[in-house]
PDB file of all heavy atoms in Angstrom:
ATOM      1  N   ALA A   1     -19.040 -28.694 172.248  1.00  0.00           N
ATOM      2  CA  ALA A   1     -18.584 -29.777 173.131  1.00  0.00           C
ATOM      3  C   ALA A   1     -18.041 -29.214 174.412  1.00  0.00           C
ATOM      4  O   ALA A   1     -18.120 -29.823 175.522  1.00  0.00           O
ATOM      5  CB  ALA A   1     -17.596 -30.695 172.453  1.00  0.00           C
ATOM      6  N   THR A   2     -17.391 -28.135 174.454  1.00  0.00           N
ATOM      7  CA  THR A   2     -16.684 -27.542 175.493  1.00  0.00           C
ATOM      8  C   THR A   2     -16.932 -25.945 175.587  1.00  0.00           C
ATOM      9  O   THR A   2     -17.284 -25.348 174.705  1.00  0.00           O
ATOM     10  CB  THR A   2     -15.126 -27.668 175.376  1.00  0.00           C
ATOM     11  OG1 THR A   2     -14.615 -26.913 174.237  1.00  0.00           O
ATOM     12  CG2 THR A   2     -14.831 -29.225 175.165  1.00  0.00           C
ATOM     13  N   PRO A   3     -16.678 -25.415 176.728  1.00  0.00           N
ATOM     14  CA  PRO A   3     -16.767 -23.900 176.991  1.00  0.00           C
ATOM     15  C   PRO A   3     -15.913 -23.164 175.944  1.00  0.00           C
ATOM     16  O   PRO A   3     -16.316 -22.115 175.401  1.00  0.00           O
ATOM     17  CB  PRO A   3     -16.422 -23.645 178.336  1.00  0.00           C
ATOM     18  CG  PRO A   3     -16.693 -24.905 179.053  1.00  0.00           C
ATOM     19  CD  PRO A   3     -16.423 -26.052 178.113  1.00  0.00           C
ATOM     20  N   SER A   4     -14.720 -23.617 175.751  1.00  0.00           N
ATOM     21  CA  SER A   4     -13.713 -23.077 174.876  1.00  0.00           C
ATOM     22  C   SER A   4     -14.286 -22.981 173.398  1.00  0.00           C
ATOM     23  O   SER A   4     -14.170 -22.007 172.699  1.00  0.00           O
ATOM     24  CB  SER A   4     -12.385 -23.701 174.890  1.00  0.00           C
ATOM     25  OG  SER A   4     -11.447 -23.086 174.002  1.00  0.00           O
ATOM     26  N   GLU A   5     -14.875 -24.123 172.955  1.00  0.00           N
ATOM     27  CA  GLU A   5     -15.359 -24.167 171.670  1.00  0.00           C
ATOM     28  C   GLU A   5     -16.635 -23.284 171.484  1.00  0.00           C
ATOM     29  O   GLU A   5     -16.833 -22.666 170.393  1.00  0.00           O
ATOM     30  CB  GLU A   5     -15.908 -25.566 171.395  1.00  0.00           C
ATOM     31  CG  GLU A   5     -16.445 -25.783 169.928  1.00  0.00           C
ATOM     32  CD  GLU A   5     -16.913 -27.180 169.603  1.00  0.00           C
ATOM     33  OE1 GLU A   5     -16.382 -28.128 170.362  1.00  0.00           O
ATOM     34  OE2 GLU A   5     -17.753 -27.451 168.644  1.00  0.00           O
ATOM     35  N   GLU A   6     -17.452 -23.139 172.606  1.00  0.00           N
ATOM     36  CA  GLU A   6     -18.505 -22.194 172.519  1.00  0.00           C
ATOM     37  C   GLU A   6     -18.092 -20.741 172.301  1.00  0.00           C
ATOM     38  O   GLU A   6     -18.686 -19.967 171.589  1.00  0.00           O
ATOM     39  CB  GLU A   6     -19.345 -22.287 173.815  1.00  0.00           C
ATOM     40  CG  GLU A   6     -20.742 -21.581 173.668  1.00  0.00           C
ATOM     41  CD  GLU A   6     -21.637 -21.654 174.876  1.00  0.00           C
ATOM     42  OE1 GLU A   6     -21.280 -22.422 175.861  1.00  0.00           O
ATOM     43  OE2 GLU A   6     -22.719 -21.038 174.845  1.00  0.00           O
ATOM     44  N   LEU A   7     -17.022 -20.447 172.967  1.00  0.00           N
ATOM     45  CA  LEU A   7     -16.463 -19.099 172.795  1.00  0.00           C
ATOM     46  C   LEU A   7     -15.809 -18.897 171.400  1.00  0.00           C
ATOM     47  O   LEU A   7     -15.994 -17.759 170.763  1.00  0.00           O
ATOM     48  CB  LEU A   7     -15.360 -18.843 173.899  1.00  0.00           C
ATOM     49  CG  LEU A   7     -15.824 -18.469 175.316  1.00  0.00           C
ATOM     50  CD1 LEU A   7     -14.658 -18.593 176.300  1.00  0.00           C
ATOM     51  CD2 LEU A   7     -16.455 -17.053 175.353  1.00  0.00           C
ATOM     52  N   ASP A   8     -15.245 -19.983 170.869  1.00  0.00           N
ATOM     53  CA  ASP A   8     -14.704 -19.847 169.511  1.00  0.00           C
ATOM     54  C   ASP A   8     -15.916 -19.523 168.614  1.00  0.00           C
ATOM     55  O   ASP A   8     -15.804 -18.605 167.674  1.00  0.00           O
ATOM     56  CB  ASP A   8     -14.105 -21.244 169.145  1.00  0.00           C
ATOM     57  CG  ASP A   8     -12.798 -21.434 169.860  1.00  0.00           C
ATOM     58  OD1 ASP A   8     -12.223 -20.451 170.320  1.00  0.00           O
ATOM     59  OD2 ASP A   8     -12.334 -22.608 169.850  1.00  0.00           O
ATOM     60  N   ASN A   9     -17.006 -20.274 168.781  1.00  0.00           N
ATOM     61  CA  ASN A   9     -18.120 -20.122 167.852  1.00  0.00           C
ATOM     62  C   ASN A   9     -18.745 -18.770 167.972  1.00  0.00           C
ATOM     63  O   ASN A   9     -19.156 -18.056 167.028  1.00  0.00           O
ATOM     64  CB  ASN A   9     -19.251 -21.151 168.254  1.00  0.00           C
ATOM     65  CG  ASN A   9     -18.851 -22.619 167.853  1.00  0.00           C
ATOM     66  OD1 ASN A   9     -17.990 -22.839 167.161  1.00  0.00           O
ATOM     67  ND2 ASN A   9     -19.538 -23.575 168.501  1.00  0.00           N
ATOM     68  N   ALA A  10     -18.775 -18.232 169.251  1.00  0.00           N
ATOM     69  CA  ALA A  10     -19.328 -16.911 169.444  1.00  0.00           C
ATOM     70  C   ALA A  10     -18.483 -15.834 168.736  1.00  0.00           C
ATOM     71  O   ALA A  10     -18.940 -14.845 168.135  1.00  0.00           O
ATOM     72  CB  ALA A  10     -19.451 -16.589 171.010  1.00  0.00           C
ATOM     73  N   ALA A  11     -17.173 -16.000 168.950  1.00  0.00           N
ATOM     74  CA  ALA A  11     -16.211 -15.060 168.242  1.00  0.00           C
ATOM     75  C   ALA A  11     -16.424 -14.993 166.765  1.00  0.00           C
ATOM     76  O   ALA A  11     -16.474 -13.899 166.078  1.00  0.00           O
ATOM     77  CB  ALA A  11     -14.885 -15.418 168.635  1.00  0.00           C
ATOM     78  N   MET A  12     -16.466 -16.164 166.118  1.00  0.00           N
ATOM     79  CA  MET A  12     -16.666 -16.321 164.676  1.00  0.00           C
ATOM     80  C   MET A  12     -18.120 -15.623 164.300  1.00  0.00           C
ATOM     81  O   MET A  12     -18.129 -14.999 163.302  1.00  0.00           O
ATOM     82  CB  MET A  12     -16.672 -17.749 164.375  1.00  0.00           C
ATOM     83  CG  MET A  12     -16.584 -17.971 162.774  1.00  0.00           C
ATOM     84  SD  MET A  12     -16.132 -19.647 162.335  1.00  0.00           S
ATOM     85  CE  MET A  12     -16.817 -20.598 163.701  1.00  0.00           C
ATOM     86  N   MET A  13     -19.124 -15.889 165.065  1.00  0.00           N
ATOM     87  CA  MET A  13     -20.435 -15.395 164.672  1.00  0.00           C
ATOM     88  C   MET A  13     -20.394 -13.809 164.812  1.00  0.00           C
ATOM     89  O   MET A  13     -20.874 -13.260 163.877  1.00  0.00           O
ATOM     90  CB  MET A  13     -21.473 -15.873 165.786  1.00  0.00           C
ATOM     91  CG  MET A  13     -22.829 -15.731 165.310  1.00  0.00           C
ATOM     92  SD  MET A  13     -23.993 -16.530 166.506  1.00  0.00           S
ATOM     93  CE  MET A  13     -23.448 -18.186 166.447  1.00  0.00           C
ATOM     94  N   ILE A  14     -19.804 -13.273 165.880  1.00  0.00           N
ATOM     95  CA  ILE A  14     -19.797 -11.770 166.000  1.00  0.00           C
ATOM     96  C   ILE A  14     -19.068 -11.203 164.888  1.00  0.00           C
ATOM     97  O   ILE A  14     -19.515 -10.159 164.349  1.00  0.00           O
ATOM     98  CB  ILE A  14     -19.264 -11.438 167.388  1.00  0.00           C
ATOM     99  CG1 ILE A  14     -20.211 -11.872 168.513  1.00  0.00           C
ATOM    100  CG2 ILE A  14     -19.082  -9.857 167.506  1.00  0.00           C
ATOM    101  CD1 ILE A  14     -19.750 -11.704 169.890  1.00  0.00           C
ATOM    102  N   ARG A  15     -17.982 -11.675 164.525  1.00  0.00           N
ATOM    103  CA  ARG A  15     -17.125 -11.180 163.389  1.00  0.00           C
ATOM    104  C   ARG A  15     -17.994 -11.236 162.136  1.00  0.00           C
ATOM    105  O   ARG A  15     -17.827 -10.281 161.303  1.00  0.00           O
ATOM    106  CB  ARG A  15     -15.824 -12.061 163.186  1.00  0.00           C
ATOM    107  CG  ARG A  15     -14.805 -11.816 164.212  1.00  0.00           C
ATOM    108  CD  ARG A  15     -13.439 -12.448 163.637  1.00  0.00           C
ATOM    109  NE  ARG A  15     -12.430 -12.517 164.719  1.00  0.00           N
ATOM    110  CZ  ARG A  15     -12.234 -13.532 165.564  1.00  0.00           C
ATOM    111  NH1 ARG A  15     -12.886 -14.659 165.306  1.00  0.00           N
ATOM    112  NH2 ARG A  15     -11.344 -13.508 166.581  1.00  0.00           N
ATOM    113  N   SER A  16     -18.739 -12.286 161.887  1.00  0.00           N
ATOM    114  CA  SER A  16     -19.556 -12.329 160.762  1.00  0.00           C
ATOM    115  C   SER A  16     -20.613 -11.257 160.531  1.00  0.00           C
ATOM    116  O   SER A  16     -21.194 -10.938 159.574  1.00  0.00           O
ATOM    117  CB  SER A  16     -20.138 -13.738 160.525  1.00  0.00           C
ATOM    118  OG  SER A  16     -21.314 -13.878 161.470  1.00  0.00           O
ATOM    119  N   TRP A  17     -21.040 -10.861 161.856  1.00  0.00           N
ATOM    120  CA  TRP A  17     -22.043  -9.755 161.885  1.00  0.00           C
ATOM    121  C   TRP A  17     -21.504  -8.457 161.676  1.00  0.00           C
ATOM    122  O   TRP A  17     -22.185  -7.535 161.228  1.00  0.00           O
ATOM    123  CB  TRP A  17     -22.767  -9.798 163.295  1.00  0.00           C
ATOM    124  CG  TRP A  17     -23.598 -11.091 163.452  1.00  0.00           C
ATOM    125  CD1 TRP A  17     -24.078 -11.931 162.511  1.00  0.00           C
ATOM    126  CD2 TRP A  17     -24.094 -11.654 164.729  1.00  0.00           C
ATOM    127  NE1 TRP A  17     -24.812 -12.954 163.007  1.00  0.00           N
ATOM    128  CE2 TRP A  17     -24.899 -12.783 164.536  1.00  0.00           C
ATOM    129  CE3 TRP A  17     -24.012 -11.209 166.041  1.00  0.00           C
ATOM    130  CZ2 TRP A  17     -25.549 -13.579 165.388  1.00  0.00           C
ATOM    131  CZ3 TRP A  17     -24.622 -11.895 167.029  1.00  0.00           C
ATOM    132  CH2 TRP A  17     -25.390 -13.056 166.715  1.00  0.00           C
ATOM    133  N   LEU A  18     -20.289  -8.235 162.069  1.00  0.00           N
ATOM    134  CA  LEU A  18     -19.683  -6.797 162.089  1.00  0.00           C
ATOM    135  C   LEU A  18     -19.266  -6.474 160.683  1.00  0.00           C
ATOM    136  O   LEU A  18     -18.863  -7.369 159.880  1.00  0.00           O
ATOM    137  CB  LEU A  18     -18.434  -6.831 163.000  1.00  0.00           C
ATOM    138  CG  LEU A  18     -18.752  -6.834 164.461  1.00  0.00           C
ATOM    139  CD1 LEU A  18     -17.380  -7.075 165.315  1.00  0.00           C
ATOM    140  CD2 LEU A  18     -19.372  -5.571 164.982  1.00  0.00           C
ATOM    141  N   PRO A  19     -19.339  -5.226 160.339  1.00  0.00           N
ATOM    142  CA  PRO A  19     -18.927  -4.772 159.003  1.00  0.00           C
ATOM    143  C   PRO A  19     -17.364  -4.884 158.853  1.00  0.00           C
ATOM    144  O   PRO A  19     -16.652  -4.667 159.888  1.00  0.00           O
ATOM    145  CB  PRO A  19     -19.395  -3.316 158.899  1.00  0.00           C
ATOM    146  CG  PRO A  19     -19.459  -2.857 160.379  1.00  0.00           C
ATOM    147  CD  PRO A  19     -19.870  -4.008 161.158  1.00  0.00           C
ATOM    148  N   LEU A  20     -16.950  -5.044 157.715  1.00  0.00           N
ATOM    149  CA  LEU A  20     -15.394  -5.024 157.473  1.00  0.00           C
ATOM    150  C   LEU A  20     -15.038  -3.498 157.460  1.00  0.00           C
ATOM    151  O   LEU A  20     -15.891  -2.634 157.311  1.00  0.00           O
ATOM    152  CB  LEU A  20     -15.105  -5.659 156.064  1.00  0.00           C
ATOM    153  CG  LEU A  20     -15.450  -7.104 155.969  1.00  0.00           C
ATOM    154  CD1 LEU A  20     -15.127  -7.561 154.541  1.00  0.00           C
ATOM    155  CD2 LEU A  20     -14.739  -7.930 156.995  1.00  0.00           C
ATOM    156  N   ASP A  21     -13.811  -3.232 157.594  1.00  0.00           N
ATOM    157  CA  ASP A  21     -13.239  -1.909 157.833  1.00  0.00           C
ATOM    158  C   ASP A  21     -13.770  -1.033 156.633  1.00  0.00           C
ATOM    159  O   ASP A  21     -13.939   0.159 156.729  1.00  0.00           O
ATOM    160  CB  ASP A  21     -11.802  -1.887 157.997  1.00  0.00           C
ATOM    161  CG  ASP A  21     -11.372  -2.436 159.377  1.00  0.00           C
ATOM    162  OD1 ASP A  21     -12.244  -2.534 160.240  1.00  0.00           O
ATOM    163  OD2 ASP A  21     -10.209  -2.841 159.423  1.00  0.00           O
ATOM    164  N   HIS A  22     -13.760  -1.613 155.411  1.00  0.00           N
ATOM    165  CA  HIS A  22     -13.922  -0.786 154.271  1.00  0.00           C
ATOM    166  C   HIS A  22     -15.479  -0.740 153.875  1.00  0.00           C
ATOM    167  O   HIS A  22     -15.860  -0.197 152.888  1.00  0.00           O
ATOM    168  CB  HIS A  22     -13.154  -1.327 153.071  1.00  0.00           C
ATOM    169  CG  HIS A  22     -13.600  -2.758 152.655  1.00  0.00           C
ATOM    170  ND1 HIS A  22     -13.089  -3.762 153.264  1.00  0.00           N
ATOM    171  CD2 HIS A  22     -14.503  -3.216 151.674  1.00  0.00           C
ATOM    172  CE1 HIS A  22     -13.655  -4.944 152.766  1.00  0.00           C
ATOM    173  NE2 HIS A  22     -14.515  -4.563 151.842  1.00  0.00           N
ATOM    174  N   GLU A  23     -16.311  -1.460 154.653  1.00  0.00           N
ATOM    175  CA  GLU A  23     -17.717  -1.454 154.265  1.00  0.00           C
ATOM    176  C   GLU A  23     -18.493  -0.444 155.067  1.00  0.00           C
ATOM    177  O   GLU A  23     -18.237  -0.109 156.167  1.00  0.00           O
ATOM    178  CB  GLU A  23     -18.346  -2.887 154.652  1.00  0.00           C
ATOM    179  CG  GLU A  23     -17.898  -3.941 153.677  1.00  0.00           C
ATOM    180  CD  GLU A  23     -18.583  -5.224 154.082  1.00  0.00           C
ATOM    181  OE1 GLU A  23     -18.971  -5.462 155.289  1.00  0.00           O
ATOM    182  OE2 GLU A  23     -18.651  -6.165 153.178  1.00  0.00           O
ATOM    183  N   VAL A  24     -19.571   0.025 154.432  1.00  0.00           N
ATOM    184  CA  VAL A  24     -20.556   0.920 155.184  1.00  0.00           C
ATOM    185  C   VAL A  24     -21.534  -0.053 155.853  1.00  0.00           C
ATOM    186  O   VAL A  24     -21.606  -1.212 155.565  1.00  0.00           O
ATOM    187  CB  VAL A  24     -21.328   1.806 154.233  1.00  0.00           C
ATOM    188  CG1 VAL A  24     -20.342   2.792 153.570  1.00  0.00           C
ATOM    189  CG2 VAL A  24     -22.084   0.968 153.197  1.00  0.00           C
TER     190      VAL A  24
END
């Protein structure tokens, strides 16, 4: 709905793609 929400969604998406610290 807003630019801020789009950035929230982007941050959440990128985190889901990145490996956790303990993962290979």
